Amino acid sequence: MADTARSTDPLHFQGTTCDGCGDLHPRNALDQDRWCDACRPRMQRRMRIGRHGIAAVVTLPFAVWVWRLEKLEYLPTLAWLLPLAAAYYLGFRIGREVVRGYIRWRRVGGE
């Protein structure tokens, strides 16, 4: 009976797949987002574009709502900049997770 617990592959139990390309790499060769050196610039560009897009989609309805409330004069218009900035920041953070999940889903073959 062959010993199936042992593997001659040096990456067995020590490697993980890159979330960008799906290739197997040693764990210490991937960054915190689990991308290899070859994929990192391309994936960072995708993340940057997607994060800002989702943040704008989250913030835009709130900005329109604030603009429409200006006639009611609850607060001066400039006082709404802090909540708008907070909405953009939250959309930016949400966008990171959404884009990362979408990239992983596409790599696995969810099309």
PDB file of N, CA and C in Angstrom:
ATOM      1  N   MET A   1       0.839  -1.173   0.000  1.00  0.00           N
ATOM      2  CA  MET A   1       0.000   0.000   0.000  1.00  0.00           C
ATOM      3  C   MET A   1       0.885   1.237   0.000  1.00  0.00           C
ATOM      4  N   ALA A   2       0.633   2.130  -0.904  1.00  0.00           N
ATOM      5  CA  ALA A   2       1.450   3.333  -1.039  1.00  0.00           C
ATOM      6  C   ALA A   2       1.075   4.346   0.044  1.00  0.00           C
ATOM      7  N   ASP A   3       2.086   5.090   0.456  1.00  0.00           N
ATOM      8  CA  ASP A   3       1.880   6.131   1.465  1.00  0.00           C
ATOM      9  C   ASP A   3       1.362   7.381   0.756  1.00  0.00           C
ATOM     10  N   THR A   4       0.055   7.628   0.839  1.00  0.00           N
ATOM     11  CA  THR A   4      -0.536   8.768   0.145  1.00  0.00           C
ATOM     12  C   THR A   4      -0.444  10.048   0.961  1.00  0.00           C
ATOM     13  N   ALA A   5      -0.067   9.961   2.218  1.00  0.00           N
ATOM     14  CA  ALA A   5       0.027  11.159   3.054  1.00  0.00           C
ATOM     15  C   ALA A   5       1.247  11.988   2.682  1.00  0.00           C
ATOM     16  N   ARG A   6       2.268  11.345   2.176  1.00  0.00           N
ATOM     17  CA  ARG A   6       3.472  12.064   1.779  1.00  0.00           C
ATOM     18  C   ARG A   6       3.394  12.436   0.316  1.00  0.00           C
ATOM     19  N   SER A   7       3.979  13.566   0.016  1.00  0.00           N
ATOM     20  CA  SER A   7       4.003  14.004  -1.368  1.00  0.00           C
ATOM     21  C   SER A   7       5.418  14.412  -1.717  1.00  0.00           C
ATOM     22  N   THR A   8       5.806  14.127  -2.933  1.00  0.00           N
ATOM     23  CA  THR A   8       7.135  14.545  -3.371  1.00  0.00           C
ATOM     24  C   THR A   8       7.125  15.999  -3.827  1.00  0.00           C
ATOM     25  N   ASP A   9       5.956  16.573  -3.949  1.00  0.00           N
ATOM     26  CA  ASP A   9       5.831  17.971  -4.357  1.00  0.00           C
ATOM     27  C   ASP A   9       6.305  18.864  -3.208  1.00  0.00           C
ATOM     28  N   PRO A  10       7.295  19.741  -3.443  1.00  0.00           N
ATOM     29  CA  PRO A  10       7.806  20.574  -2.354  1.00  0.00           C
ATOM     30  C   PRO A  10       6.792  21.619  -1.879  1.00  0.00           C
ATOM     31  N   LEU A  11       5.751  21.884  -2.653  1.00  0.00           N
ATOM     32  CA  LEU A  11       4.766  22.884  -2.239  1.00  0.00           C
ATOM     33  C   LEU A  11       3.589  22.258  -1.482  1.00  0.00           C
ATOM     34  N   HIS A  12       3.600  20.951  -1.325  1.00  0.00           N
ATOM     35  CA  HIS A  12       2.514  20.275  -0.628  1.00  0.00           C
ATOM     36  C   HIS A  12       2.403  20.796   0.805  1.00  0.00           C
ATOM     37  N   PHE A  13       1.267  21.308   1.187  1.00  0.00           N
ATOM     38  CA  PHE A  13       0.986  21.897   2.491  1.00  0.00           C
ATOM     39  C   PHE A  13       1.776  23.171   2.760  1.00  0.00           C
ATOM     40  N   GLN A  14       2.535  23.655   1.810  1.00  0.00           N
ATOM     41  CA  GLN A  14       3.316  24.867   2.007  1.00  0.00           C
ATOM     42  C   GLN A  14       2.944  25.927   0.985  1.00  0.00           C
ATOM     43  N   GLY A  15       2.195  25.561  -0.017  1.00  0.00           N
ATOM     44  CA  GLY A  15       1.876  26.501  -1.075  1.00  0.00           C
ATOM     45  C   GLY A  15       0.402  26.838  -1.102  1.00  0.00           C
ATOM     46  N   THR A  16       0.102  27.893  -1.799  1.00  0.00           N
ATOM     47  CA  THR A  16      -1.278  28.312  -1.992  1.00  0.00           C
ATOM     48  C   THR A  16      -1.402  28.929  -3.375  1.00  0.00           C
ATOM     49  N   THR A  17      -2.611  29.050  -3.854  1.00  0.00           N
ATOM     50  CA  THR A  17      -2.801  29.574  -5.197  1.00  0.00           C
ATOM     51  C   THR A  17      -2.919  31.091  -5.176  1.00  0.00           C
ATOM     52  N   CYS A  18      -2.435  31.696  -6.229  1.00  0.00           N
ATOM     53  CA  CYS A  18      -2.563  33.140  -6.417  1.00  0.00           C
ATOM     54  C   CYS A  18      -4.014  33.432  -6.783  1.00  0.00           C
ATOM     55  N   ASP A  19      -4.610  34.461  -6.183  1.00  0.00           N
ATOM     56  CA  ASP A  19      -5.994  34.805  -6.494  1.00  0.00           C
ATOM     57  C   ASP A  19      -6.134  35.484  -7.848  1.00  0.00           C
ATOM     58  N   GLY A  20      -5.025  35.886  -8.446  1.00  0.00           N
ATOM     59  CA  GLY A  20      -5.085  36.523  -9.754  1.00  0.00           C
ATOM     60  C   GLY A  20      -5.005  35.533 -10.894  1.00  0.00           C
ATOM     61  N   CYS A  21      -4.010  34.664 -10.848  1.00  0.00           N
ATOM     62  CA  CYS A  21      -3.794  33.744 -11.974  1.00  0.00           C
ATOM     63  C   CYS A  21      -4.132  32.297 -11.642  1.00  0.00           C
ATOM     64  N   GLY A  22      -4.195  31.952 -10.379  1.00  0.00           N
ATOM     65  CA  GLY A  22      -4.530  30.591  -9.986  1.00  0.00           C
ATOM     66  C   GLY A  22      -3.350  29.643  -9.927  1.00  0.00           C
ATOM     67  N   ASP A  23      -2.123  30.149 -10.154  1.00  0.00           N
ATOM     68  CA  ASP A  23      -0.932  29.300 -10.089  1.00  0.00           C
ATOM     69  C   ASP A  23      -0.555  29.035  -8.637  1.00  0.00           C
ATOM     70  N   LEU A  24       0.104  27.909  -8.408  1.00  0.00           N
ATOM     71  CA  LEU A  24       0.537  27.525  -7.074  1.00  0.00           C
ATOM     72  C   LEU A  24       1.878  28.167  -6.769  1.00  0.00           C
ATOM     73  N   HIS A  25       1.971  28.845  -5.624  1.00  0.00           N
ATOM     74  CA  HIS A  25       3.194  29.524  -5.187  1.00  0.00           C
ATOM     75  C   HIS A  25       3.427  29.218  -3.716  1.00  0.00           C
ATOM     76  N   PRO A  26       4.681  29.339  -3.242  1.00  0.00           N
ATOM     77  CA  PRO A  26       4.909  29.239  -1.795  1.00  0.00           C
ATOM     78  C   PRO A  26       4.171  30.370  -1.083  1.00  0.00           C
ATOM     79  N   ARG A  27       3.721  30.127   0.129  1.00  0.00           N
ATOM     80  CA  ARG A  27       2.931  31.126   0.859  1.00  0.00           C
ATOM     81  C   ARG A  27       3.678  32.435   1.069  1.00  0.00           C
ATOM     82  N   ASN A  28       4.972  32.364   1.275  1.00  0.00           N
ATOM     83  CA  ASN A  28       5.726  33.596   1.533  1.00  0.00           C
ATOM     84  C   ASN A  28       5.984  34.398   0.253  1.00  0.00           C
ATOM     85  N   ALA A  29       5.630  33.861  -0.916  1.00  0.00           N
ATOM     86  CA  ALA A  29       5.813  34.590  -2.176  1.00  0.00           C
ATOM     87  C   ALA A  29       4.598  35.438  -2.530  1.00  0.00           C
ATOM     88  N   LEU A  30       3.497  35.270  -1.800  1.00  0.00           N
ATOM     89  CA  LEU A  30       2.277  36.023  -2.076  1.00  0.00           C
ATOM     90  C   LEU A  30       2.132  37.157  -1.075  1.00  0.00           C
ATOM     91  N   ASP A  31       1.469  38.240  -1.499  1.00  0.00           N
ATOM     92  CA  ASP A  31       1.257  39.362  -0.588  1.00  0.00           C
ATOM     93  C   ASP A  31       0.004  39.113   0.247  1.00  0.00           C
ATOM     94  N   GLN A  32      -0.429  40.112   1.000  1.00  0.00           N
ATOM     95  CA  GLN A  32      -1.572  39.926   1.894  1.00  0.00           C
ATOM     96  C   GLN A  32      -2.884  39.693   1.149  1.00  0.00           C
ATOM     97  N   ASP A  33      -2.958  40.123  -0.092  1.00  0.00           N
ATOM     98  CA  ASP A  33      -4.142  39.876  -0.903  1.00  0.00           C
ATOM     99  C   ASP A  33      -4.047  38.559  -1.669  1.00  0.00           C
ATOM    100  N   ARG A  34      -3.001  37.804  -1.443  1.00  0.00           N
ATOM    101  CA  ARG A  34      -2.716  36.508  -2.083  1.00  0.00           C
ATOM    102  C   ARG A  34      -2.538  36.644  -3.581  1.00  0.00           C
ATOM    103  N   TRP A  35      -1.705  37.610  -3.990  1.00  0.00           N
ATOM    104  CA  TRP A  35      -1.351  37.809  -5.385  1.00  0.00           C
ATOM    105  C   TRP A  35       0.147  37.589  -5.543  1.00  0.00           C
ATOM    106  N   CYS A  36       0.553  36.981  -6.647  1.00  0.00           N
ATOM    107  CA  CYS A  36       1.968  36.778  -6.933  1.00  0.00           C
ATOM    108  C   CYS A  36       2.558  38.067  -7.505  1.00  0.00           C
ATOM    109  N   ASP A  37       3.875  38.096  -7.650  1.00  0.00           N
ATOM    110  CA  ASP A  37       4.552  39.293  -8.160  1.00  0.00           C
ATOM    111  C   ASP A  37       4.127  39.633  -9.585  1.00  0.00           C
ATOM    112  N   ALA A  38       3.838  38.623 -10.387  1.00  0.00           N
ATOM    113  CA  ALA A  38       3.451  38.876 -11.776  1.00  0.00           C
ATOM    114  C   ALA A  38       2.048  39.484 -11.867  1.00  0.00           C
ATOM    115  N   CYS A  39       1.158  39.098 -10.981  1.00  0.00           N
ATOM    116  CA  CYS A  39      -0.231  39.567 -11.030  1.00  0.00           C
ATOM    117  C   CYS A  39      -0.454  40.873 -10.271  1.00  0.00           C
ATOM    118  N   ARG A  40       0.404  41.209  -9.343  1.00  0.00           N
ATOM    119  CA  ARG A  40       0.166  42.328  -8.433  1.00  0.00           C
ATOM    120  C   ARG A  40      -0.154  43.650  -9.136  1.00  0.00           C
ATOM    121  N   PRO A  41       0.630  44.133 -10.128  1.00  0.00           N
ATOM    122  CA  PRO A  41       0.286  45.424 -10.746  1.00  0.00           C
ATOM    123  C   PRO A  41      -1.063  45.415 -11.460  1.00  0.00           C
ATOM    124  N   ARG A  42      -1.358  44.338 -12.164  1.00  0.00           N
ATOM    125  CA  ARG A  42      -2.623  44.238 -12.886  1.00  0.00           C
ATOM    126  C   ARG A  42      -3.804  44.196 -11.918  1.00  0.00           C
ATOM    127  N   MET A  43      -3.674  43.425 -10.854  1.00  0.00           N
ATOM    128  CA  MET A  43      -4.770  43.300  -9.892  1.00  0.00           C
ATOM    129  C   MET A  43      -4.963  44.586  -9.097  1.00  0.00           C
ATOM    130  N   GLN A  44      -3.882  45.280  -8.760  1.00  0.00           N
ATOM    131  CA  GLN A  44      -4.015  46.544  -8.041  1.00  0.00           C
ATOM    132  C   GLN A  44      -4.728  47.582  -8.899  1.00  0.00           C
ATOM    133  N   ARG A  45      -4.458  47.587 -10.195  1.00  0.00           N
ATOM    134  CA  ARG A  45      -5.139  48.520 -11.092  1.00  0.00           C
ATOM    135  C   ARG A  45      -6.634  48.202 -11.145  1.00  0.00           C
ATOM    136  N   ARG A  46      -6.980  46.933 -11.256  1.00  0.00           N
ATOM    137  CA  ARG A  46      -8.395  46.539 -11.266  1.00  0.00           C
ATOM    138  C   ARG A  46      -9.084  46.922  -9.960  1.00  0.00           C
ATOM    139  N   MET A  47      -8.400  46.679  -8.862  1.00  0.00           N
ATOM    140  CA  MET A  47      -8.978  47.010  -7.556  1.00  0.00           C
ATOM    141  C   MET A  47      -9.191  48.511  -7.431  1.00  0.00           C
ATOM    142  N   ARG A  48      -8.232  49.287  -7.865  1.00  0.00           N
ATOM    143  CA  ARG A  48      -8.326  50.740  -7.744  1.00  0.00           C
ATOM    144  C   ARG A  48      -9.519  51.282  -8.525  1.00  0.00           C
ATOM    145  N   ILE A  49      -9.668  50.838  -9.753  1.00  0.00           N
ATOM    146  CA  ILE A  49     -10.766  51.312 -10.594  1.00  0.00           C
ATOM    147  C   ILE A  49     -12.109  50.855 -10.018  1.00  0.00           C
ATOM    148  N   GLY A  50     -12.205  49.621  -9.644  1.00  0.00           N
ATOM    149  CA  GLY A  50     -13.460  49.085  -9.119  1.00  0.00           C
ATOM    150  C   GLY A  50     -13.866  49.697  -7.791  1.00  0.00           C
ATOM    151  N   ARG A  51     -12.895  49.916  -6.913  1.00  0.00           N
ATOM    152  CA  ARG A  51     -13.201  50.487  -5.608  1.00  0.00           C
ATOM    153  C   ARG A  51     -13.770  51.887  -5.738  1.00  0.00           C
ATOM    154  N   HIS A  52     -13.146  52.699  -6.574  1.00  0.00           N
ATOM    155  CA  HIS A  52     -13.640  54.064  -6.744  1.00  0.00           C
ATOM    156  C   HIS A  52     -15.000  54.077  -7.428  1.00  0.00           C
ATOM    157  N   GLY A  53     -15.224  53.180  -8.349  1.00  0.00           N
ATOM    158  CA  GLY A  53     -16.514  53.097  -9.021  1.00  0.00           C
ATOM    159  C   GLY A  53     -17.635  52.739  -8.056  1.00  0.00           C
ATOM    160  N   ILE A  54     -17.403  51.753  -7.211  1.00  0.00           N
ATOM    161  CA  ILE A  54     -18.423  51.347  -6.239  1.00  0.00           C
ATOM    162  C   ILE A  54     -18.624  52.436  -5.192  1.00  0.00           C
ATOM    163  N   ALA A  55     -17.543  53.094  -4.773  1.00  0.00           N
ATOM    164  CA  ALA A  55     -17.681  54.196  -3.815  1.00  0.00           C
ATOM    165  C   ALA A  55     -18.514  55.326  -4.397  1.00  0.00           C
ATOM    166  N   ALA A  56     -18.343  55.622  -5.679  1.00  0.00           N
ATOM    167  CA  ALA A  56     -19.143  56.668  -6.320  1.00  0.00           C
ATOM    168  C   ALA A  56     -20.607  56.249  -6.405  1.00  0.00           C
ATOM    169  N   VAL A  57     -20.868  54.979  -6.702  1.00  0.00           N
ATOM    170  CA  VAL A  57     -22.247  54.490  -6.777  1.00  0.00           C
ATOM    171  C   VAL A  57     -22.928  54.562  -5.409  1.00  0.00           C
ATOM    172  N   VAL A  58     -22.175  54.308  -4.344  1.00  0.00           N
ATOM    173  CA  VAL A  58     -22.734  54.389  -2.992  1.00  0.00           C
ATOM    174  C   VAL A  58     -22.968  55.839  -2.590  1.00  0.00           C
ATOM    175  N   THR A  59     -22.061  56.732  -2.942  1.00  0.00           N
ATOM    176  CA  THR A  59     -22.118  58.120  -2.487  1.00  0.00           C
ATOM    177  C   THR A  59     -23.064  58.976  -3.318  1.00  0.00           C
ATOM    178  N   LEU A  60     -23.196  58.692  -4.579  1.00  0.00           N
ATOM    179  CA  LEU A  60     -23.991  59.545  -5.461  1.00  0.00           C
ATOM    180  C   LEU A  60     -25.452  59.711  -5.029  1.00  0.00           C
ATOM    181  N   PRO A  61     -26.175  58.651  -4.673  1.00  0.00           N
ATOM    182  CA  PRO A  61     -27.557  58.869  -4.219  1.00  0.00           C
ATOM    183  C   PRO A  61     -27.628  59.727  -2.953  1.00  0.00           C
ATOM    184  N   PHE A  62     -26.684  59.534  -2.053  1.00  0.00           N
ATOM    185  CA  PHE A  62     -26.648  60.349  -0.839  1.00  0.00           C
ATOM    186  C   PHE A  62     -26.358  61.807  -1.172  1.00  0.00           C
ATOM    187  N   ALA A  63     -25.474  62.050  -2.117  1.00  0.00           N
ATOM    188  CA  ALA A  63     -25.159  63.428  -2.526  1.00  0.00           C
ATOM    189  C   ALA A  63     -26.369  64.094  -3.174  1.00  0.00           C
ATOM    190  N   VAL A  64     -27.113  63.361  -3.978  1.00  0.00           N
ATOM    191  CA  VAL A  64     -28.318  63.913  -4.594  1.00  0.00           C
ATOM    192  C   VAL A  64     -29.348  64.232  -3.514  1.00  0.00           C
ATOM    193  N   TRP A  65     -29.480  63.356  -2.543  1.00  0.00           N
ATOM    194  CA  TRP A  65     -30.410  63.578  -1.446  1.00  0.00           C
ATOM    195  C   TRP A  65     -30.024  64.829  -0.648  1.00  0.00           C
ATOM    196  N   VAL A  66     -28.734  64.997  -0.372  1.00  0.00           N
ATOM    197  CA  VAL A  66     -28.270  66.186   0.342  1.00  0.00           C
ATOM    198  C   VAL A  66     -28.535  67.429  -0.490  1.00  0.00           C
ATOM    199  N   TRP A  67     -28.302  67.366  -1.768  1.00  0.00           N
ATOM    200  CA  TRP A  67     -28.529  68.513  -2.639  1.00  0.00           C
ATOM    201  C   TRP A  67     -30.008  68.901  -2.646  1.00  0.00           C
ATOM    202  N   ARG A  68     -30.889  67.898  -2.613  1.00  0.00           N
ATOM    203  CA  ARG A  68     -32.329  68.174  -2.584  1.00  0.00           C
ATOM    204  C   ARG A  68     -32.764  68.726  -1.232  1.00  0.00           C
ATOM    205  N   LEU A  69     -32.101  68.346  -0.146  1.00  0.00           N
ATOM    206  CA  LEU A  69     -32.439  68.849   1.192  1.00  0.00           C
ATOM    207  C   LEU A  69     -31.938  70.267   1.429  1.00  0.00           C
ATOM    208  N   GLU A  70     -31.103  70.763   0.554  1.00  0.00           N
ATOM    209  CA  GLU A  70     -30.544  72.094   0.739  1.00  0.00           C
ATOM    210  C   GLU A  70     -31.665  73.130   0.863  1.00  0.00           C
ATOM    211  N   LYS A  71     -32.773  72.901   0.231  1.00  0.00           N
ATOM    212  CA  LYS A  71     -33.894  73.831   0.286  1.00  0.00           C
ATOM    213  C   LYS A  71     -34.531  73.854   1.674  1.00  0.00           C
ATOM    214  N   LEU A  72     -34.366  72.769   2.427  1.00  0.00           N
ATOM    215  CA  LEU A  72     -34.952  72.714   3.769  1.00  0.00           C
ATOM    216  C   LEU A  72     -34.067  73.386   4.815  1.00  0.00           C
ATOM    217  N   GLU A  73     -32.824  73.609   4.511  1.00  0.00           N
ATOM    218  CA  GLU A  73     -31.868  74.335   5.353  1.00  0.00           C
ATOM    219  C   GLU A  73     -31.715  73.731   6.752  1.00  0.00           C
ATOM    220  N   TYR A  74     -31.610  72.400   6.826  1.00  0.00           N
ATOM    221  CA  TYR A  74     -31.299  71.765   8.104  1.00  0.00           C
ATOM    222  C   TYR A  74     -29.900  72.151   8.548  1.00  0.00           C
ATOM    223  N   LEU A  75     -28.978  72.009   7.663  1.00  0.00           N
ATOM    224  CA  LEU A  75     -27.575  72.347   7.914  1.00  0.00           C
ATOM    225  C   LEU A  75     -27.045  73.086   6.698  1.00  0.00           C
ATOM    226  N   PRO A  76     -25.998  73.868   6.878  1.00  0.00           N
ATOM    227  CA  PRO A  76     -25.374  74.469   5.697  1.00  0.00           C
ATOM    228  C   PRO A  76     -24.832  73.368   4.775  1.00  0.00           C
ATOM    229  N   THR A  77     -24.718  73.680   3.509  1.00  0.00           N
ATOM    230  CA  THR A  77     -24.288  72.683   2.528  1.00  0.00           C
ATOM    231  C   THR A  77     -22.913  72.116   2.861  1.00  0.00           C
ATOM    232  N   LEU A  78     -21.999  72.952   3.330  1.00  0.00           N
ATOM    233  CA  LEU A  78     -20.655  72.466   3.647  1.00  0.00           C
ATOM    234  C   LEU A  78     -20.633  71.516   4.834  1.00  0.00           C
ATOM    235  N   ALA A  79     -21.640  71.592   5.707  1.00  0.00           N
ATOM    236  CA  ALA A  79     -21.694  70.683   6.855  1.00  0.00           C
ATOM    237  C   ALA A  79     -21.967  69.246   6.419  1.00  0.00           C
ATOM    238  N   TRP A  80     -22.473  69.060   5.217  1.00  0.00           N
ATOM    239  CA  TRP A  80     -22.748  67.721   4.708  1.00  0.00           C
ATOM    240  C   TRP A  80     -21.516  67.070   4.091  1.00  0.00           C
ATOM    241  N   LEU A  81     -20.409  67.781   3.984  1.00  0.00           N
ATOM    242  CA  LEU A  81     -19.212  67.189   3.381  1.00  0.00           C
ATOM    243  C   LEU A  81     -18.654  66.034   4.214  1.00  0.00           C
ATOM    244  N   LEU A  82     -18.713  66.142   5.529  1.00  0.00           N
ATOM    245  CA  LEU A  82     -18.192  65.058   6.367  1.00  0.00           C
ATOM    246  C   LEU A  82     -19.007  63.766   6.188  1.00  0.00           C
ATOM    247  N   PRO A  83     -20.343  63.801   6.254  1.00  0.00           N
ATOM    248  CA  PRO A  83     -21.080  62.551   5.985  1.00  0.00           C
ATOM    249  C   PRO A  83     -20.884  62.027   4.563  1.00  0.00           C
ATOM    250  N   LEU A  84     -20.733  62.932   3.600  1.00  0.00           N
ATOM    251  CA  LEU A  84     -20.474  62.476   2.230  1.00  0.00           C
ATOM    252  C   LEU A  84     -19.110  61.803   2.124  1.00  0.00           C
ATOM    253  N   ALA A  85     -18.116  62.376   2.805  1.00  0.00           N
ATOM    254  CA  ALA A  85     -16.782  61.756   2.809  1.00  0.00           C
ATOM    255  C   ALA A  85     -16.826  60.395   3.504  1.00  0.00           C
ATOM    256  N   ALA A  86     -17.591  60.302   4.591  1.00  0.00           N
ATOM    257  CA  ALA A  86     -17.727  59.018   5.283  1.00  0.00           C
ATOM    258  C   ALA A  86     -18.426  57.985   4.394  1.00  0.00           C
ATOM    259  N   ALA A  87     -19.445  58.417   3.652  1.00  0.00           N
ATOM    260  CA  ALA A  87     -20.135  57.497   2.740  1.00  0.00           C
ATOM    261  C   ALA A  87     -19.194  57.024   1.637  1.00  0.00           C
ATOM    262  N   TYR A  88     -18.356  57.934   1.130  1.00  0.00           N
ATOM    263  CA  TYR A  88     -17.398  57.547   0.090  1.00  0.00           C
ATOM    264  C   TYR A  88     -16.386  56.554   0.651  1.00  0.00           C
ATOM    265  N   TYR A  89     -15.903  56.813   1.873  1.00  0.00           N
ATOM    266  CA  TYR A  89     -14.938  55.908   2.499  1.00  0.00           C
ATOM    267  C   TYR A  89     -15.545  54.519   2.694  1.00  0.00           C
ATOM    268  N   LEU A  90     -16.781  54.467   3.193  1.00  0.00           N
ATOM    269  CA  LEU A  90     -17.425  53.162   3.381  1.00  0.00           C
ATOM    270  C   LEU A  90     -17.648  52.461   2.042  1.00  0.00           C
ATOM    271  N   GLY A  91     -18.056  53.208   1.033  1.00  0.00           N
ATOM    272  CA  GLY A  91     -18.206  52.626  -0.292  1.00  0.00           C
ATOM    273  C   GLY A  91     -16.883  52.118  -0.844  1.00  0.00           C
ATOM    274  N   PHE A  92     -15.800  52.829  -0.524  1.00  0.00           N
ATOM    275  CA  PHE A  92     -14.459  52.427  -0.948  1.00  0.00           C
ATOM    276  C   PHE A  92     -14.073  51.103  -0.296  1.00  0.00           C
ATOM    277  N   ARG A  93     -14.363  50.971   0.995  1.00  0.00           N
ATOM    278  CA  ARG A  93     -14.049  49.726   1.704  1.00  0.00           C
ATOM    279  C   ARG A  93     -14.929  48.571   1.238  1.00  0.00           C
ATOM    280  N   ILE A  94     -16.208  48.837   1.052  1.00  0.00           N
ATOM    281  CA  ILE A  94     -17.113  47.814   0.544  1.00  0.00           C
ATOM    282  C   ILE A  94     -16.691  47.405  -0.866  1.00  0.00           C
ATOM    283  N   GLY A  95     -16.306  48.388  -1.666  1.00  0.00           N
ATOM    284  CA  GLY A  95     -15.876  48.122  -3.031  1.00  0.00           C
ATOM    285  C   GLY A  95     -14.684  47.202  -3.105  1.00  0.00           C
ATOM    286  N   ARG A  96     -13.774  47.338  -2.158  1.00  0.00           N
ATOM    287  CA  ARG A  96     -12.601  46.454  -2.150  1.00  0.00           C
ATOM    288  C   ARG A  96     -13.014  44.995  -2.013  1.00  0.00           C
ATOM    289  N   GLU A  97     -13.917  44.730  -1.091  1.00  0.00           N
ATOM    290  CA  GLU A  97     -14.346  43.353  -0.876  1.00  0.00           C
ATOM    291  C   GLU A  97     -15.189  42.836  -2.048  1.00  0.00           C
ATOM    292  N   VAL A  98     -16.017  43.691  -2.605  1.00  0.00           N
ATOM    293  CA  VAL A  98     -16.850  43.274  -3.735  1.00  0.00           C
ATOM    294  C   VAL A  98     -15.979  42.954  -4.945  1.00  0.00           C
ATOM    295  N   VAL A  99     -15.022  43.821  -5.243  1.00  0.00           N
ATOM    296  CA  VAL A  99     -14.154  43.597  -6.403  1.00  0.00           C
ATOM    297  C   VAL A  99     -13.278  42.367  -6.184  1.00  0.00           C
ATOM    298  N   ARG A 100     -12.751  42.212  -4.980  1.00  0.00           N
ATOM    299  CA  ARG A 100     -11.927  41.036  -4.694  1.00  0.00           C
ATOM    300  C   ARG A 100     -12.740  39.757  -4.846  1.00  0.00           C
ATOM    301  N   GLY A 101     -13.961  39.728  -4.334  1.00  0.00           N
ATOM    302  CA  GLY A 101     -14.822  38.557  -4.489  1.00  0.00           C
ATOM    303  C   GLY A 101     -15.167  38.293  -5.937  1.00  0.00           C
ATOM    304  N   TYR A 102     -15.411  39.344  -6.704  1.00  0.00           N
ATOM    305  CA  TYR A 102     -15.732  39.177  -8.123  1.00  0.00           C
ATOM    306  C   TYR A 102     -14.532  38.611  -8.888  1.00  0.00           C
ATOM    307  N   ILE A 103     -13.335  39.104  -8.579  1.00  0.00           N
ATOM    308  CA  ILE A 103     -12.136  38.600  -9.252  1.00  0.00           C
ATOM    309  C   ILE A 103     -11.928  37.126  -8.936  1.00  0.00           C
ATOM    310  N   ARG A 104     -12.121  36.738  -7.677  1.00  0.00           N
ATOM    311  CA  ARG A 104     -11.982  35.322  -7.317  1.00  0.00           C
ATOM    312  C   ARG A 104     -13.053  34.478  -7.997  1.00  0.00           C
ATOM    313  N   TRP A 105     -14.266  34.982  -8.047  1.00  0.00           N
ATOM    314  CA  TRP A 105     -15.357  34.263  -8.687  1.00  0.00           C
ATOM    315  C   TRP A 105     -15.076  34.028 -10.173  1.00  0.00           C
ATOM    316  N   ARG A 106     -14.558  35.045 -10.841  1.00  0.00           N
ATOM    317  CA  ARG A 106     -14.237  34.904 -12.274  1.00  0.00           C
ATOM    318  C   ARG A 106     -13.088  33.929 -12.481  1.00  0.00           C
ATOM    319  N   ARG A 107     -12.102  33.925 -11.584  1.00  0.00           N
ATOM    320  CA  ARG A 107     -10.963  33.024 -11.749  1.00  0.00           C
ATOM    321  C   ARG A 107     -11.393  31.579 -11.573  1.00  0.00           C
ATOM    322  N   VAL A 108     -12.316  31.327 -10.671  1.00  0.00           N
ATOM    323  CA  VAL A 108     -12.770  29.966 -10.424  1.00  0.00           C
ATOM    324  C   VAL A 108     -13.623  29.455 -11.584  1.00  0.00           C
ATOM    325  N   GLY A 109     -14.232  30.364 -12.327  1.00  0.00           N
ATOM    326  CA  GLY A 109     -15.026  29.943 -13.471  1.00  0.00           C
ATOM    327  C   GLY A 109     -16.496  30.181 -13.287  1.00  0.00           C
ATOM    328  N   GLY A 110     -16.855  31.231 -12.593  1.00  0.00           N
ATOM    329  CA  GLY A 110     -18.253  31.504 -12.337  1.00  0.00           C
ATOM    330  C   GLY A 110     -18.964  32.238 -13.444  1.00  0.00           C
ATOM    331  N   GLU A 111     -18.371  32.352 -14.610  1.00  0.00           N
ATOM    332  CA  GLU A 111     -19.010  33.094 -15.703  1.00  0.00           C
ATOM    333  C   GLU A 111     -20.201  32.354 -16.259  1.00  0.00           C
TER     334      GLU A 111
END
